[in-house]
Amino acid sequence: MTTYALVGAGPGLGLACALRFGAAGHTVALLSRSGEHLDSLVADLDGDGVQARGYTADVLDATSLTTALRKAAQDLGPVEILQFSPVPRADFMKPVLDTRAHDLEDPLAFSVKGPVTCVNAVLRGMRAIGRGTLLFVNGASAVRPHPERAGTSIAFAAESAYAAMLHDALAAENIHAAQLIVPGAIRPDAEHSSPAFLAERLYALHTERQGFRHYSEPLPD
């Protein structure tokens, strides 16, 4: 049995994805800053017959990320699927003309150093089992910079570049990197950006392994 590891576990998209990958037979490792939050998610998954465990980690703390992912592999089995989809903080989204160099420190740590740390923590295990999937979820500003959300626009673009390089560099090793762009707000009543719909899309990216960048729906004009 292999593990689906979710960085940025929450009750919306995160829970829906954990249910989908758990239903496919994977154990589930949930990473979040809040232990109490994790306990609730694990209980929900257990009620649906999904074997899951929570690990406290902060995306801005590389040591906590590495420790959590390595512990998850020891406890639950090797990580075959890593999903990086934490929600950026609101203060990352200052207008570009109000953004100073120090304002980019946390967004870049969140969206670049965080993914690099996570990938390095699981890559050896993926190579050992001969397969793996790296899933990155971003908003529209990753491909269409928004002047009112400078921090995420800059950091998501850097994350996208890193993920695209992984896609090319790891393909020969049967490790697939893919990015899902979600232009709209994630909400239960949305046709193309509900948690359940996005969970199915992400599972399909894992199984179909075609191409790097995908969209949940077309970008608005």
C-alpha atoms as a PDB file:
ATOM      1  CA  MET A   1       0.000   0.000   0.000  1.00  0.00           C
ATOM      2  CA  THR A   2       1.274   3.467  -0.844  1.00  0.00           C
ATOM      3  CA  THR A   3       0.470   6.856   0.620  1.00  0.00           C
ATOM      4  CA  TYR A   4      -1.218   9.982  -0.675  1.00  0.00           C
ATOM      5  CA  ALA A   5       0.317  12.945   1.179  1.00  0.00           C
ATOM      6  CA  LEU A   6      -1.603  16.213   1.221  1.00  0.00           C
ATOM      7  CA  VAL A   7       0.183  19.417   2.184  1.00  0.00           C
ATOM      8  CA  GLY A   8      -2.422  21.978   3.159  1.00  0.00           C
ATOM      9  CA  ALA A   9      -5.174  19.735   4.495  1.00  0.00           C
ATOM     10  CA  GLY A  10      -8.522  21.410   5.017  1.00  0.00           C
ATOM     11  CA  PRO A  11     -12.248  20.602   5.178  1.00  0.00           C
ATOM     12  CA  GLY A  12     -12.974  21.613   1.567  1.00  0.00           C
ATOM     13  CA  LEU A  13     -10.708  20.579  -1.286  1.00  0.00           C
ATOM     14  CA  GLY A  14      -8.330  18.730   1.016  1.00  0.00           C
ATOM     15  CA  LEU A  15     -10.972  16.465   2.513  1.00  0.00           C
ATOM     16  CA  ALA A  16     -12.525  15.760  -0.899  1.00  0.00           C
ATOM     17  CA  CYS A  17      -9.125  14.773  -2.323  1.00  0.00           C
ATOM     18  CA  ALA A  18      -8.300  12.622   0.678  1.00  0.00           C
ATOM     19  CA  LEU A  19     -11.602  10.784   0.255  1.00  0.00           C
ATOM     20  CA  ARG A  20     -10.976  10.249  -3.469  1.00  0.00           C
ATOM     21  CA  PHE A  21      -7.444   8.955  -3.145  1.00  0.00           C
ATOM     22  CA  GLY A  22      -8.367   6.964  -0.051  1.00  0.00           C
ATOM     23  CA  ALA A  23     -11.244   5.322  -1.926  1.00  0.00           C
ATOM     24  CA  ALA A  24      -8.682   4.194  -4.512  1.00  0.00           C
ATOM     25  CA  GLY A  25      -6.827   2.265  -1.818  1.00  0.00           C
ATOM     26  CA  HIS A  26      -4.135   4.694  -0.719  1.00  0.00           C
ATOM     27  CA  THR A  27      -3.399   5.497   2.878  1.00  0.00           C
ATOM     28  CA  VAL A  28      -3.670   9.224   3.549  1.00  0.00           C
ATOM     29  CA  ALA A  29      -1.224  11.561   5.294  1.00  0.00           C
ATOM     30  CA  LEU A  30      -2.640  14.988   6.112  1.00  0.00           C
ATOM     31  CA  LEU A  31      -0.287  17.885   6.823  1.00  0.00           C
ATOM     32  CA  SER A  32      -1.533  21.072   8.456  1.00  0.00           C
ATOM     33  CA  ARG A  33      -0.444  23.595  11.079  1.00  0.00           C
ATOM     34  CA  SER A  34      -3.373  22.756  13.382  1.00  0.00           C
ATOM     35  CA  GLY A  35      -3.368  19.462  15.255  1.00  0.00           C
ATOM     36  CA  GLU A  36      -6.989  19.934  16.361  1.00  0.00           C
ATOM     37  CA  HIS A  37      -7.961  20.589  12.762  1.00  0.00           C
ATOM     38  CA  LEU A  38      -6.213  17.383  11.697  1.00  0.00           C
ATOM     39  CA  ASP A  39      -7.971  15.301  14.343  1.00  0.00           C
ATOM     40  CA  SER A  40     -11.351  16.339  12.926  1.00  0.00           C
ATOM     41  CA  LEU A  41     -10.341  15.491   9.346  1.00  0.00           C
ATOM     42  CA  VAL A  42      -8.917  12.112  10.341  1.00  0.00           C
ATOM     43  CA  ALA A  43     -12.148  11.300  12.178  1.00  0.00           C
ATOM     44  CA  ASP A  44     -14.189  12.201   9.082  1.00  0.00           C
ATOM     45  CA  LEU A  45     -12.025   9.992   6.881  1.00  0.00           C
ATOM     46  CA  ASP A  46     -12.124   7.128   9.355  1.00  0.00           C
ATOM     47  CA  GLY A  47     -15.901   7.287   9.233  1.00  0.00           C
ATOM     48  CA  ASP A  48     -15.679   6.709   5.482  1.00  0.00           C
ATOM     49  CA  GLY A  49     -13.295   3.782   5.840  1.00  0.00           C
ATOM     50  CA  VAL A  50     -10.138   5.652   4.813  1.00  0.00           C
ATOM     51  CA  GLN A  51      -6.957   4.968   6.767  1.00  0.00           C
ATOM     52  CA  ALA A  52      -5.525   8.389   7.551  1.00  0.00           C
ATOM     53  CA  ARG A  53      -3.175  10.095   9.961  1.00  0.00           C
ATOM     54  CA  GLY A  54      -2.464  13.744  10.625  1.00  0.00           C
ATOM     55  CA  TYR A  55       0.937  15.388  10.911  1.00  0.00           C
ATOM     56  CA  THR A  56       1.493  18.888  12.207  1.00  0.00           C
ATOM     57  CA  ALA A  57       3.706  20.929   9.885  1.00  0.00           C
ATOM     58  CA  ASP A  58       4.073  24.550   8.795  1.00  0.00           C
ATOM     59  CA  VAL A  59       4.749  25.236   5.108  1.00  0.00           C
ATOM     60  CA  LEU A  60       7.081  28.056   6.178  1.00  0.00           C
ATOM     61  CA  ASP A  61       9.108  25.652   8.348  1.00  0.00           C
ATOM     62  CA  ALA A  62      11.199  23.349   6.159  1.00  0.00           C
ATOM     63  CA  THR A  63      12.257  21.128   9.055  1.00  0.00           C
ATOM     64  CA  SER A  64       8.674  20.445  10.109  1.00  0.00           C
ATOM     65  CA  LEU A  65       7.691  19.574   6.528  1.00  0.00           C
ATOM     66  CA  THR A  66      10.575  17.141   6.066  1.00  0.00           C
ATOM     67  CA  THR A  67       9.982  15.515   9.444  1.00  0.00           C
ATOM     68  CA  ALA A  68       6.243  15.103   8.826  1.00  0.00           C
ATOM     69  CA  LEU A  69       6.615  13.578   5.362  1.00  0.00           C
ATOM     70  CA  ARG A  70       9.321  11.157   6.436  1.00  0.00           C
ATOM     71  CA  LYS A  71       7.279  10.114   9.477  1.00  0.00           C
ATOM     72  CA  ALA A  72       4.228   9.604   7.255  1.00  0.00           C
ATOM     73  CA  ALA A  73       6.195   7.259   4.987  1.00  0.00           C
ATOM     74  CA  GLN A  74       7.387   5.286   8.004  1.00  0.00           C
ATOM     75  CA  ASP A  75       3.906   5.056   9.523  1.00  0.00           C
ATOM     76  CA  LEU A  76       1.733   4.519   6.453  1.00  0.00           C
ATOM     77  CA  GLY A  77       3.932   3.348   3.592  1.00  0.00           C
ATOM     78  CA  PRO A  78       5.945   5.115   0.901  1.00  0.00           C
ATOM     79  CA  VAL A  79       4.503   8.344  -0.495  1.00  0.00           C
ATOM     80  CA  GLU A  80       3.441   7.690  -4.078  1.00  0.00           C
ATOM     81  CA  ILE A  81       1.388  10.869  -4.499  1.00  0.00           C
ATOM     82  CA  LEU A  82       2.297  14.274  -3.097  1.00  0.00           C
ATOM     83  CA  GLN A  83      -0.231  17.090  -3.433  1.00  0.00           C
ATOM     84  CA  PHE A  84       0.880  20.618  -2.601  1.00  0.00           C
ATOM     85  CA  SER A  85      -2.184  22.841  -2.237  1.00  0.00           C
ATOM     86  CA  PRO A  86      -2.016  24.997   0.896  1.00  0.00           C
ATOM     87  CA  VAL A  87      -4.007  28.236   0.876  1.00  0.00           C
ATOM     88  CA  PRO A  88      -1.813  31.372   0.807  1.00  0.00           C
ATOM     89  CA  ARG A  89      -2.251  33.969   3.516  1.00  0.00           C
ATOM     90  CA  ALA A  90      -4.257  37.073   2.714  1.00  0.00           C
ATOM     91  CA  ASP A  91      -1.275  39.340   3.389  1.00  0.00           C
ATOM     92  CA  PHE A  92       0.564  37.784   0.433  1.00  0.00           C
ATOM     93  CA  MET A  93      -1.804  39.661  -1.868  1.00  0.00           C
ATOM     94  CA  LYS A  94      -0.767  43.306  -1.681  1.00  0.00           C
ATOM     95  CA  PRO A  95      -1.013  45.504  -4.798  1.00  0.00           C
ATOM     96  CA  VAL A  96       2.186  45.500  -6.808  1.00  0.00           C
ATOM     97  CA  LEU A  97       2.983  49.178  -6.159  1.00  0.00           C
ATOM     98  CA  ASP A  98       2.649  48.604  -2.400  1.00  0.00           C
ATOM     99  CA  THR A  99       4.882  45.535  -2.451  1.00  0.00           C
ATOM    100  CA  ARG A 100       8.403  45.808  -1.088  1.00  0.00           C
ATOM    101  CA  ALA A 101      11.198  43.246  -1.199  1.00  0.00           C
ATOM    102  CA  HIS A 102      10.511  42.028   2.345  1.00  0.00           C
ATOM    103  CA  ASP A 103       6.854  41.434   1.427  1.00  0.00           C
ATOM    104  CA  LEU A 104       7.980  38.636  -0.901  1.00  0.00           C
ATOM    105  CA  GLU A 105       9.924  36.650   1.683  1.00  0.00           C
ATOM    106  CA  ASP A 106       6.992  34.635   3.031  1.00  0.00           C
ATOM    107  CA  PRO A 107       5.181  34.168  -0.316  1.00  0.00           C
ATOM    108  CA  LEU A 108       8.359  32.784  -1.906  1.00  0.00           C
ATOM    109  CA  ALA A 109       9.096  30.603   1.110  1.00  0.00           C
ATOM    110  CA  PHE A 110       5.504  29.348   0.989  1.00  0.00           C
ATOM    111  CA  SER A 111       5.233  28.642  -2.740  1.00  0.00           C
ATOM    112  CA  VAL A 112       8.841  27.825  -3.694  1.00  0.00           C
ATOM    113  CA  LYS A 113      10.853  26.672  -0.699  1.00  0.00           C
ATOM    114  CA  GLY A 114       7.854  24.725   0.588  1.00  0.00           C
ATOM    115  CA  PRO A 115       7.366  22.646  -2.578  1.00  0.00           C
ATOM    116  CA  VAL A 116      11.116  22.104  -3.006  1.00  0.00           C
ATOM    117  CA  THR A 117      11.346  20.837   0.568  1.00  0.00           C
ATOM    118  CA  CYS A 118       8.376  18.494   0.130  1.00  0.00           C
ATOM    119  CA  VAL A 119       9.598  17.047  -3.161  1.00  0.00           C
ATOM    120  CA  ASN A 120      13.046  16.389  -1.741  1.00  0.00           C
ATOM    121  CA  ALA A 121      11.467  14.650   1.243  1.00  0.00           C
ATOM    122  CA  VAL A 122       9.497  12.161  -0.887  1.00  0.00           C
ATOM    123  CA  LEU A 123      11.588  11.728  -4.028  1.00  0.00           C
ATOM    124  CA  ARG A 124      13.833   8.971  -2.719  1.00  0.00           C
ATOM    125  CA  GLY A 125      10.790   6.905  -1.747  1.00  0.00           C
ATOM    126  CA  MET A 126       9.171   7.382  -5.157  1.00  0.00           C
ATOM    127  CA  ARG A 127      12.355   6.267  -6.858  1.00  0.00           C
ATOM    128  CA  ALA A 128      12.493   3.212  -4.618  1.00  0.00           C
ATOM    129  CA  ILE A 129       9.009   2.045  -5.663  1.00  0.00           C
ATOM    130  CA  GLY A 130       9.556   3.066  -9.286  1.00  0.00           C
ATOM    131  CA  ARG A 131       6.673   5.522  -9.641  1.00  0.00           C
ATOM    132  CA  GLY A 132       5.213   8.706  -8.248  1.00  0.00           C
ATOM    133  CA  THR A 133       2.999  11.721  -8.830  1.00  0.00           C
ATOM    134  CA  LEU A 134       3.589  15.328  -7.809  1.00  0.00           C
ATOM    135  CA  LEU A 135       0.450  17.490  -7.921  1.00  0.00           C
ATOM    136  CA  PHE A 136       0.505  21.277  -7.658  1.00  0.00           C
ATOM    137  CA  VAL A 137      -2.711  23.304  -7.312  1.00  0.00           C
ATOM    138  CA  ASN A 138      -2.664  27.032  -8.039  1.00  0.00           C
ATOM    139  CA  GLY A 139      -4.999  29.906  -8.765  1.00  0.00           C
ATOM    140  CA  ALA A 140      -5.188  31.866 -12.001  1.00  0.00           C
ATOM    141  CA  SER A 141      -2.469  34.304 -10.938  1.00  0.00           C
ATOM    142  CA  ALA A 142       0.068  31.524 -11.544  1.00  0.00           C
ATOM    143  CA  VAL A 143      -0.419  32.032 -15.286  1.00  0.00           C
ATOM    144  CA  ARG A 144      -2.023  35.486 -15.439  1.00  0.00           C
ATOM    145  CA  PRO A 145      -0.357  37.883 -12.966  1.00  0.00           C
ATOM    146  CA  HIS A 146      -2.798  40.071 -11.053  1.00  0.00           C
ATOM    147  CA  PRO A 147      -1.537  43.540 -10.039  1.00  0.00           C
ATOM    148  CA  GLU A 148      -3.649  43.503  -6.865  1.00  0.00           C
ATOM    149  CA  ARG A 149      -2.150  40.171  -5.753  1.00  0.00           C
ATOM    150  CA  ALA A 150       1.531  40.702  -6.366  1.00  0.00           C
ATOM    151  CA  GLY A 151       2.928  38.292  -3.794  1.00  0.00           C
ATOM    152  CA  THR A 152       1.007  35.260  -4.974  1.00  0.00           C
ATOM    153  CA  SER A 153       1.423  36.196  -8.630  1.00  0.00           C
ATOM    154  CA  ILE A 154       5.206  36.284  -8.289  1.00  0.00           C
ATOM    155  CA  ALA A 155       5.466  33.252  -6.016  1.00  0.00           C
ATOM    156  CA  PHE A 156       3.005  31.105  -8.019  1.00  0.00           C
ATOM    157  CA  ALA A 157       4.928  31.874 -11.213  1.00  0.00           C
ATOM    158  CA  ALA A 158       8.115  30.646  -9.546  1.00  0.00           C
ATOM    159  CA  GLU A 159       6.353  27.543  -8.231  1.00  0.00           C
ATOM    160  CA  SER A 160       5.033  26.874 -11.741  1.00  0.00           C
ATOM    161  CA  ALA A 161       8.534  27.087 -13.194  1.00  0.00           C
ATOM    162  CA  TYR A 162       9.850  24.643 -10.609  1.00  0.00           C
ATOM    163  CA  ALA A 163       7.001  22.194 -11.177  1.00  0.00           C
ATOM    164  CA  ALA A 164       7.402  22.374 -14.970  1.00  0.00           C
ATOM    165  CA  MET A 165      11.098  21.568 -14.646  1.00  0.00           C
ATOM    166  CA  LEU A 166      10.233  18.597 -12.448  1.00  0.00           C
ATOM    167  CA  HIS A 167       7.799  17.388 -15.110  1.00  0.00           C
ATOM    168  CA  ASP A 168      10.592  17.272 -17.680  1.00  0.00           C
ATOM    169  CA  ALA A 169      13.382  16.060 -15.400  1.00  0.00           C
ATOM    170  CA  LEU A 170      11.492  13.166 -13.778  1.00  0.00           C
ATOM    171  CA  ALA A 171       9.432  11.795 -16.671  1.00  0.00           C
ATOM    172  CA  ALA A 172      12.018   9.151 -17.534  1.00  0.00           C
ATOM    173  CA  GLU A 173      11.789   7.847 -13.949  1.00  0.00           C
ATOM    174  CA  ASN A 174       8.002   7.307 -14.114  1.00  0.00           C
ATOM    175  CA  ILE A 175       7.427  10.239 -11.759  1.00  0.00           C
ATOM    176  CA  HIS A 176       4.786  12.572 -13.141  1.00  0.00           C
ATOM    177  CA  ALA A 177       4.527  16.238 -12.145  1.00  0.00           C
ATOM    178  CA  ALA A 178       1.333  18.106 -13.020  1.00  0.00           C
ATOM    179  CA  GLN A 179      -0.265  21.428 -12.206  1.00  0.00           C
ATOM    180  CA  LEU A 180      -3.974  22.176 -11.926  1.00  0.00           C
ATOM    181  CA  ILE A 181      -4.996  25.816 -12.334  1.00  0.00           C
ATOM    182  CA  VAL A 182      -8.289  26.695 -10.642  1.00  0.00           C
ATOM    183  CA  PRO A 183      -9.466  30.090 -11.983  1.00  0.00           C
ATOM    184  CA  GLY A 184     -12.621  30.357  -9.883  1.00  0.00           C
ATOM    185  CA  ALA A 185     -13.351  30.239  -6.179  1.00  0.00           C
ATOM    186  CA  ILE A 186     -13.551  26.740  -4.735  1.00  0.00           C
ATOM    187  CA  ARG A 187     -17.069  26.276  -3.388  1.00  0.00           C
ATOM    188  CA  PRO A 188     -19.467  23.323  -3.159  1.00  0.00           C
ATOM    189  CA  ASP A 189     -21.995  24.722  -5.653  1.00  0.00           C
ATOM    190  CA  ALA A 190     -19.455  25.575  -8.398  1.00  0.00           C
ATOM    191  CA  GLU A 191     -19.731  23.481 -11.547  1.00  0.00           C
ATOM    192  CA  HIS A 192     -16.010  23.251 -12.306  1.00  0.00           C
ATOM    193  CA  SER A 193     -14.396  24.226  -9.021  1.00  0.00           C
ATOM    194  CA  SER A 194     -16.292  22.346  -6.353  1.00  0.00           C
ATOM    195  CA  PRO A 195     -14.134  20.231  -4.033  1.00  0.00           C
ATOM    196  CA  ALA A 196     -15.602  17.007  -5.407  1.00  0.00           C
ATOM    197  CA  PHE A 197     -15.047  18.015  -9.052  1.00  0.00           C
ATOM    198  CA  LEU A 198     -11.468  19.107  -8.408  1.00  0.00           C
ATOM    199  CA  ALA A 199     -10.722  15.916  -6.482  1.00  0.00           C
ATOM    200  CA  GLU A 200     -11.782  13.885  -9.518  1.00  0.00           C
ATOM    201  CA  ARG A 201      -9.624  16.056 -11.794  1.00  0.00           C
ATOM    202  CA  LEU A 202      -6.593  15.601  -9.564  1.00  0.00           C
ATOM    203  CA  TYR A 203      -7.119  11.864  -9.369  1.00  0.00           C
ATOM    204  CA  ALA A 204      -7.346  11.770 -13.178  1.00  0.00           C
ATOM    205  CA  LEU A 205      -4.068  13.716 -13.450  1.00  0.00           C
ATOM    206  CA  HIS A 206      -2.486  11.018 -11.290  1.00  0.00           C
ATOM    207  CA  THR A 207      -3.847   8.092 -13.295  1.00  0.00           C
ATOM    208  CA  GLU A 208      -3.780   9.469 -16.853  1.00  0.00           C
ATOM    209  CA  ARG A 209      -0.351  11.142 -16.566  1.00  0.00           C
ATOM    210  CA  GLN A 210      -0.781  13.370 -19.628  1.00  0.00           C
ATOM    211  CA  GLY A 211       0.901  16.768 -19.879  1.00  0.00           C
ATOM    212  CA  PHE A 212       1.931  19.282 -17.261  1.00  0.00           C
ATOM    213  CA  ARG A 213      -0.552  22.166 -16.990  1.00  0.00           C
ATOM    214  CA  HIS A 214      -4.297  21.641 -16.757  1.00  0.00           C
ATOM    215  CA  TYR A 215      -7.240  23.944 -16.038  1.00  0.00           C
ATOM    216  CA  SER A 216     -10.398  23.159 -14.100  1.00  0.00           C
ATOM    217  CA  GLU A 217     -12.156  25.568 -16.491  1.00  0.00           C
ATOM    218  CA  PRO A 218     -11.047  28.163 -19.086  1.00  0.00           C
ATOM    219  CA  LEU A 219      -9.563  31.388 -17.806  1.00  0.00           C
ATOM    220  CA  PRO A 220     -12.107  34.222 -17.943  1.00  0.00           C
ATOM    221  CA  ASP A 221     -11.554  36.907 -20.577  1.00  0.00           C
END
